[in-house]
Amino acid sequence: MRISNSLKLGTALTALTLSLAGAANAESWRYAFEEAMDEVQGKFAQKFKEEVEANSDHTIQLFPFGTLGESADIMEQTQAGILQFVDQSPGFTGSLIPEAQIFFVPYLLPQDEDKVAEFFRTSKAIHEIFPELYAEQGLELLAMFPEGAVGITTKEPFKTPEDLDEMKIRVMTNPLLVESYKAFGATPTPLPTGEIYGALQTGLVQGQENPTFYIESSKYYEVNDYLTYIGHNNFTSAVMANKDFFDGLSDEDKQVVRDASDAAFEYILDYQRGLTEESIEAIKEANPDMVVTFLTEEEREPFKETATQVEDAFIEMTGESGQKILDQMKEDLKAVE
């Protein structure tokens, strides 16, 4: 069967038209986060970008920490629609969404990696309640994920709340985290991320808390000699989209974004396995004098006793909405236990 030249030409023109239409609809989306490219948020962002670009004509521009300012700056830019996506810890979102501070109630989250992963994968509080709260602030919540056990670096050793008396510990600009460290016996000092190293170096603060990989990459072991784990928390992060932008996407593009977020979520859970231990080894290699201590269950008990006090402060800050989330999270956690 012979195909006429006119039919061939028509077919070619149709293909060209469809190709140009696809190119015309392709967009470049901007995504900022609070860490470096080779840290957990950066790894999540790169996987998200890979998935979006593999399954659509869109491209993603990534902006790691410092390129567009501090945490408050990238959140403002996302709400204004300058950025389409942002990854930010609820610790920095606390003033915007007070209920998000629940992730800083000490000893609420388990320490076991598998249980933490299953909680973030299945939690009704995360997947059903929090999206509405973020939407009220013009944000589409795409994912929440853990970044690893939180360690505390200090200039002097401590094992009890009494040891922390008058010790200035840098915390995020988060009211509930301030209450937690007050309850621990320390003097909490809120500072932006970019000021931590200098504050430790000059003695403005004597310690700080962060997930272990971040302690390693930021080289806080150069200005602190003790790394202590009291088992109080696992650092949490949240990926969001500007809601007007997201709502304006086609159903197909919305699914591309959701699928990319789901793929990046599973990827980052796997990526983190053993990351804390690897980071500790790297810290010890860089600073052989670094003393790493894991408090025993008995030693943790005085710190655990402060959890109720911090829960009360959380409810005072958030009212009925906070109580609803706290109750649901406890149900979710019981289910994974």
Protein backbone atom coordinates (compact mmCIF):
# COMPACT_ATOMS: atom_id res chain seq x y z
CA MET A 1 0.00 0.00 0.00
CA ARG A 2 1.44 3.37 -1.05
CA ILE A 3 0.93 6.50 1.09
CA SER A 4 0.44 9.74 -0.81
CA ASN A 5 2.83 12.65 -0.34
CA SER A 6 -0.05 14.84 0.84
CA LEU A 7 -0.94 12.33 3.57
CA LYS A 8 2.71 12.12 4.66
CA LEU A 9 2.88 15.90 4.79
CA GLY A 10 -0.36 16.11 6.80
CA THR A 11 0.90 13.55 9.28
CA ALA A 12 4.21 15.40 9.69
CA LEU A 13 2.44 18.73 10.22
CA THR A 14 0.16 17.18 12.85
CA ALA A 15 3.16 15.74 14.72
CA LEU A 16 4.94 19.10 14.56
CA THR A 17 1.85 20.92 15.82
CA LEU A 18 1.51 18.52 18.78
CA SER A 19 5.22 18.86 19.55
CA LEU A 20 5.06 22.65 19.53
CA ALA A 21 1.92 22.61 21.68
CA GLY A 22 3.70 20.42 24.22
CA ALA A 23 6.72 22.72 24.21
CA ALA A 24 4.49 25.76 24.63
CA ASN A 25 2.85 24.17 27.69
CA ALA A 26 6.18 23.18 29.24
CA GLU A 27 7.13 25.31 32.26
CA SER A 28 10.16 25.77 34.47
CA TRP A 29 9.23 25.45 38.15
CA ARG A 30 11.33 26.77 41.04
CA TYR A 31 11.97 24.73 44.20
CA ALA A 32 13.93 26.00 47.24
CA PHE A 33 15.02 24.14 50.35
CA GLU A 34 16.89 24.69 53.63
CA GLU A 35 19.90 22.43 53.10
CA ALA A 36 22.71 21.77 50.63
CA MET A 37 22.33 19.65 47.49
CA ASP A 38 24.10 16.67 49.08
CA GLU A 39 22.03 16.76 52.29
CA VAL A 40 18.67 15.08 52.93
CA GLN A 41 16.40 17.87 51.64
CA GLY A 42 18.68 18.26 48.61
CA LYS A 43 18.50 14.54 47.86
CA PHE A 44 14.70 14.63 48.12
CA ALA A 45 14.58 17.65 45.80
CA GLN A 46 16.83 16.00 43.21
CA LYS A 47 14.67 12.86 43.15
CA PHE A 48 11.53 15.01 42.86
CA LYS A 49 13.10 16.90 39.93
CA GLU A 50 14.15 13.65 38.25
CA GLU A 51 10.61 12.24 38.48
CA VAL A 52 8.87 15.40 37.25
CA GLU A 53 11.20 15.80 34.30
CA ALA A 54 10.95 12.12 33.36
CA ASN A 55 7.16 12.19 33.33
CA SER A 56 6.35 15.64 31.90
CA ASP A 57 7.74 18.39 29.69
CA HIS A 58 8.31 20.60 32.74
CA THR A 59 11.70 21.34 34.29
CA ILE A 60 12.62 22.06 37.91
CA GLN A 61 15.16 24.67 39.04
CA LEU A 62 16.63 23.83 42.46
CA PHE A 63 17.75 26.47 44.95
CA PRO A 64 19.68 25.09 47.96
CA PHE A 65 20.21 26.88 51.28
CA GLY A 66 21.57 30.40 51.05
CA THR A 67 20.88 31.02 47.37
CA LEU A 68 17.57 32.79 48.03
CA GLY A 69 18.02 33.78 51.67
CA GLU A 70 17.09 32.20 55.00
CA SER A 71 14.09 29.96 55.78
CA ALA A 72 11.72 32.88 56.32
CA ASP A 73 12.69 34.31 52.92
CA ILE A 74 11.94 31.19 50.90
CA MET A 75 8.60 30.73 52.65
CA GLU A 76 7.58 34.30 51.82
CA GLN A 77 8.65 33.76 48.21
CA THR A 78 6.57 30.58 48.00
CA GLN A 79 3.48 32.24 49.43
CA ALA A 80 3.95 35.11 46.97
CA GLY A 81 4.16 32.68 44.04
CA ILE A 82 7.77 33.51 43.18
CA LEU A 83 8.66 29.92 44.07
CA GLN A 84 6.42 27.00 43.17
CA PHE A 85 7.84 24.55 45.75
CA VAL A 86 9.56 24.81 49.11
CA ASP A 87 10.95 22.33 51.64
CA GLN A 88 10.90 23.69 55.18
CA SER A 89 10.98 22.21 58.64
CA PRO A 90 7.83 22.73 60.72
CA GLY A 91 10.25 24.29 63.19
CA PHE A 92 10.44 27.37 60.98
CA THR A 93 6.76 27.16 59.99
CA GLY A 94 5.60 27.25 63.62
CA SER A 95 4.78 30.95 63.68
CA LEU A 96 2.74 30.52 60.48
CA ILE A 97 1.08 27.22 61.39
CA PRO A 98 1.29 26.84 65.21
CA GLU A 99 0.01 23.26 65.09
CA ALA A 100 3.10 22.22 63.09
CA GLN A 101 5.12 22.72 66.26
CA ILE A 102 3.80 19.38 67.49
CA PHE A 103 6.86 17.78 65.88
CA PHE A 104 8.92 19.41 68.65
CA VAL A 105 7.09 17.86 71.56
CA PRO A 106 9.94 15.78 73.04
CA TYR A 107 9.69 12.00 73.08
CA LEU A 108 6.54 11.96 70.95
CA LEU A 109 8.13 10.26 67.91
CA PRO A 110 9.75 6.82 68.25
CA GLN A 111 13.49 6.35 67.73
CA ASP A 112 13.20 3.14 65.70
CA GLU A 113 13.73 3.94 61.98
CA ASP A 114 11.10 1.49 60.71
CA LYS A 115 8.44 2.78 63.09
CA VAL A 116 9.23 6.39 62.24
CA ALA A 117 8.99 5.62 58.52
CA GLU A 118 5.66 3.82 58.91
CA PHE A 119 4.27 6.68 60.98
CA PHE A 120 5.09 9.26 58.32
CA ARG A 121 3.74 6.93 55.63
CA THR A 122 0.36 6.24 57.30
CA SER A 123 -0.39 9.02 59.81
CA LYS A 124 -3.93 10.41 59.54
CA ALA A 125 -2.76 13.59 61.27
CA ILE A 126 -0.22 14.18 58.50
CA HIS A 127 -2.32 13.10 55.54
CA GLU A 128 -5.78 14.29 56.59
CA ILE A 129 -5.52 17.13 59.13
CA PHE A 130 -2.33 19.02 58.27
CA PRO A 131 -3.18 19.60 54.56
CA GLU A 132 -6.14 21.76 55.60
CA LEU A 133 -4.00 23.84 57.96
CA TYR A 134 -1.34 24.40 55.29
CA ALA A 135 -4.02 25.28 52.72
CA GLU A 136 -5.22 28.10 54.99
CA GLN A 137 -1.77 29.66 54.52
CA GLY A 138 -1.81 29.31 50.74
CA LEU A 139 0.24 26.09 50.72
CA GLU A 140 -0.38 22.64 49.28
CA LEU A 141 1.23 20.07 51.58
CA LEU A 142 2.85 17.38 49.43
CA ALA A 143 4.93 15.39 51.91
CA MET A 144 6.32 15.26 55.42
CA PHE A 145 9.34 13.09 56.10
CA PRO A 146 11.89 12.41 58.87
CA GLU A 147 15.53 13.51 58.49
CA GLY A 148 17.12 11.53 61.30
CA ALA A 149 17.73 11.46 65.04
CA VAL A 150 18.50 14.83 66.59
CA GLY A 151 21.80 15.19 68.42
CA ILE A 152 22.92 18.02 70.71
CA THR A 153 26.47 19.41 70.42
CA THR A 154 27.92 21.32 73.36
CA LYS A 155 31.21 22.73 74.63
CA GLU A 156 30.85 20.89 77.95
CA PRO A 157 29.40 17.43 78.65
CA PHE A 158 25.93 16.94 80.14
CA LYS A 159 23.83 14.02 81.28
CA THR A 160 21.13 15.66 83.39
CA PRO A 161 18.87 18.72 83.16
CA GLU A 162 20.93 20.19 86.01
CA ASP A 163 24.04 20.00 83.80
CA LEU A 164 22.27 22.23 81.26
CA ASP A 165 21.55 24.95 83.82
CA GLU A 166 22.39 28.35 82.26
CA MET A 167 23.85 26.66 79.17
CA LYS A 168 22.79 28.61 76.07
CA ILE A 169 21.56 26.24 73.38
CA ARG A 170 20.76 27.54 69.89
CA VAL A 171 17.30 26.50 68.70
CA MET A 172 15.19 27.30 65.67
CA THR A 173 12.93 30.34 65.87
CA ASN A 174 10.15 28.14 67.20
CA PRO A 175 8.20 28.94 70.39
CA LEU A 176 7.61 25.30 71.37
CA LEU A 177 11.25 24.34 70.89
CA VAL A 178 12.10 27.22 73.21
CA GLU A 179 9.70 25.74 75.78
CA SER A 180 11.30 22.29 75.34
CA TYR A 181 14.79 23.52 76.15
CA LYS A 182 13.54 25.56 79.07
CA ALA A 183 11.99 22.35 80.39
CA PHE A 184 15.32 20.57 79.80
CA GLY A 185 16.97 23.16 82.06
CA ALA A 186 18.89 25.08 79.37
CA THR A 187 18.69 28.68 78.16
CA PRO A 188 17.25 28.40 74.62
CA THR A 189 18.57 30.96 72.14
CA PRO A 190 16.68 31.21 68.81
CA LEU A 191 18.96 32.01 65.85
CA PRO A 192 18.73 31.61 62.04
CA THR A 193 20.65 28.67 60.60
CA GLY A 194 23.31 30.83 58.96
CA GLU A 195 24.39 32.23 62.33
CA ILE A 196 24.94 28.94 64.20
CA TYR A 197 28.63 28.31 63.48
CA GLY A 198 29.67 31.86 64.30
CA ALA A 199 27.61 31.86 67.50
CA LEU A 200 29.28 28.63 68.65
CA GLN A 201 32.71 29.93 67.67
CA THR A 202 32.36 33.19 69.57
CA GLY A 203 30.64 31.68 72.61
CA LEU A 204 27.34 33.47 72.05
CA VAL A 205 25.84 30.00 72.52
CA GLN A 206 27.43 26.90 73.99
CA GLY A 207 25.50 24.31 72.01
CA GLN A 208 22.89 23.54 69.36
CA GLU A 209 20.67 20.69 68.13
CA ASN A 210 20.35 19.23 64.63
CA PRO A 211 20.12 15.89 62.82
CA THR A 212 23.53 14.22 62.73
CA PHE A 213 24.23 14.55 59.01
CA TYR A 214 23.75 18.32 59.34
CA ILE A 215 26.11 18.51 62.32
CA GLU A 216 28.71 16.78 60.17
CA SER A 217 28.21 18.82 56.98
CA SER A 218 28.09 22.13 58.86
CA LYS A 219 31.25 21.17 60.79
CA TYR A 220 29.87 22.04 64.21
CA TYR A 221 32.33 19.46 65.55
CA GLU A 222 35.02 22.10 64.93
CA VAL A 223 33.52 24.39 67.56
CA ASN A 224 31.93 21.86 69.95
CA ASP A 225 33.58 18.85 71.59
CA TYR A 226 30.57 16.82 72.78
CA LEU A 227 27.73 15.20 70.83
CA THR A 228 24.95 13.83 73.00
CA TYR A 229 21.77 11.92 72.14
CA ILE A 230 18.97 12.12 74.68
CA GLY A 231 16.50 10.39 72.32
CA HIS A 232 14.08 13.31 72.30
CA ASN A 233 13.30 13.80 68.62
CA ASN A 234 13.64 12.96 64.94
CA PHE A 235 13.99 16.03 62.71
CA THR A 236 10.96 16.55 60.45
CA SER A 237 10.70 18.30 57.09
CA ALA A 238 7.72 19.29 54.91
CA VAL A 239 7.51 19.84 51.15
CA MET A 240 4.87 22.30 49.97
CA ALA A 241 3.66 23.94 46.78
CA ASN A 242 2.15 27.38 46.34
CA LYS A 243 -1.56 26.49 46.46
CA ASP A 244 -2.74 28.86 43.72
CA PHE A 245 -0.06 27.41 41.43
CA PHE A 246 -0.99 23.82 42.32
CA ASP A 247 -4.73 24.39 41.98
CA GLY A 248 -4.12 25.91 38.54
CA LEU A 249 -2.37 22.80 37.21
CA SER A 250 -4.10 20.34 34.93
CA ASP A 251 -5.22 17.07 36.53
CA GLU A 252 -2.40 15.36 34.66
CA ASP A 253 0.25 17.74 36.05
CA LYS A 254 -1.17 17.50 39.57
CA GLN A 255 -0.72 13.74 39.35
CA VAL A 256 2.83 14.17 38.06
CA VAL A 257 3.65 16.34 41.10
CA ARG A 258 1.99 13.93 43.56
CA ASP A 259 3.70 10.90 42.03
CA ALA A 260 7.07 12.67 42.10
CA SER A 261 6.56 13.55 45.76
CA ASP A 262 5.59 9.96 46.63
CA ALA A 263 8.64 8.57 44.79
CA ALA A 264 10.97 11.05 46.52
CA PHE A 265 9.42 10.19 49.90
CA GLU A 266 10.15 6.47 49.54
CA TYR A 267 13.60 7.21 48.13
CA ILE A 268 14.56 9.44 51.06
CA LEU A 269 13.44 6.89 53.65
CA ASP A 270 15.76 4.34 52.06
CA TYR A 271 18.58 6.89 51.61
CA GLN A 272 18.60 7.69 55.33
CA ARG A 273 19.10 4.14 56.58
CA GLY A 274 22.39 4.12 58.47
CA LEU A 275 23.02 7.80 57.71
CA THR A 276 23.26 8.78 61.39
CA GLU A 277 25.88 6.11 62.05
CA GLU A 278 27.86 7.10 58.93
CA SER A 279 27.79 10.76 59.99
CA ILE A 280 29.00 9.91 63.50
CA GLU A 281 31.94 7.99 62.03
CA ALA A 282 32.80 10.94 59.77
CA ILE A 283 32.64 13.34 62.73
CA LYS A 284 34.96 11.11 64.79
CA GLU A 285 37.39 10.91 61.91
CA ALA A 286 37.40 14.69 61.47
CA ASN A 287 37.66 15.33 65.22
CA PRO A 288 39.07 12.32 67.11
CA ASP A 289 38.54 14.18 70.40
CA MET A 290 34.77 14.45 69.84
CA VAL A 291 32.96 12.62 72.65
CA VAL A 292 29.76 10.93 71.44
CA THR A 293 27.32 9.84 74.14
CA PHE A 294 23.97 8.03 73.97
CA LEU A 295 22.14 8.42 77.25
CA THR A 296 20.75 5.22 78.74
CA GLU A 297 17.01 4.82 79.27
CA GLU A 298 17.53 5.58 82.96
CA GLU A 299 19.53 8.73 82.15
CA ARG A 300 16.86 9.88 79.72
CA GLU A 301 14.07 9.62 82.27
CA PRO A 302 14.46 13.14 83.78
CA PHE A 303 14.29 14.59 80.27
CA LYS A 304 11.27 12.44 79.36
CA GLU A 305 9.43 13.76 82.41
CA THR A 306 9.35 17.19 80.77
CA ALA A 307 7.23 15.97 77.82
CA THR A 308 3.91 16.57 79.59
CA GLN A 309 4.94 20.14 80.43
CA VAL A 310 5.74 20.82 76.77
CA GLU A 311 2.50 19.16 75.61
CA ASP A 312 0.60 21.53 77.91
CA ALA A 313 2.44 24.49 76.37
CA PHE A 314 1.55 23.21 72.89
CA ILE A 315 -2.16 23.00 73.75
CA GLU A 316 -2.03 26.47 75.29
CA MET A 317 -0.58 27.82 72.01
CA THR A 318 -2.97 25.97 69.68
CA GLY A 319 -6.23 25.30 71.55
CA GLU A 320 -8.77 22.74 70.30
CA SER A 321 -7.04 22.35 66.95
CA GLY A 322 -3.78 21.40 68.64
CA GLN A 323 -5.52 18.97 70.99
CA LYS A 324 -7.19 17.27 68.01
CA ILE A 325 -3.84 16.83 66.25
CA LEU A 326 -2.07 15.63 69.40
CA ASP A 327 -4.78 13.03 70.04
CA GLN A 328 -4.70 11.84 66.43
CA MET A 329 -0.91 11.64 66.34
CA LYS A 330 -0.90 9.54 69.50
CA GLU A 331 -3.42 7.18 67.86
CA ASP A 332 -1.28 7.04 64.72
CA LEU A 333 1.83 6.30 66.77
CA LYS A 334 0.07 3.60 68.78
CA ALA A 335 -0.88 1.94 65.48
CA VAL A 336 2.77 1.70 64.36
CA GLU A 337 3.98 0.58 67.78
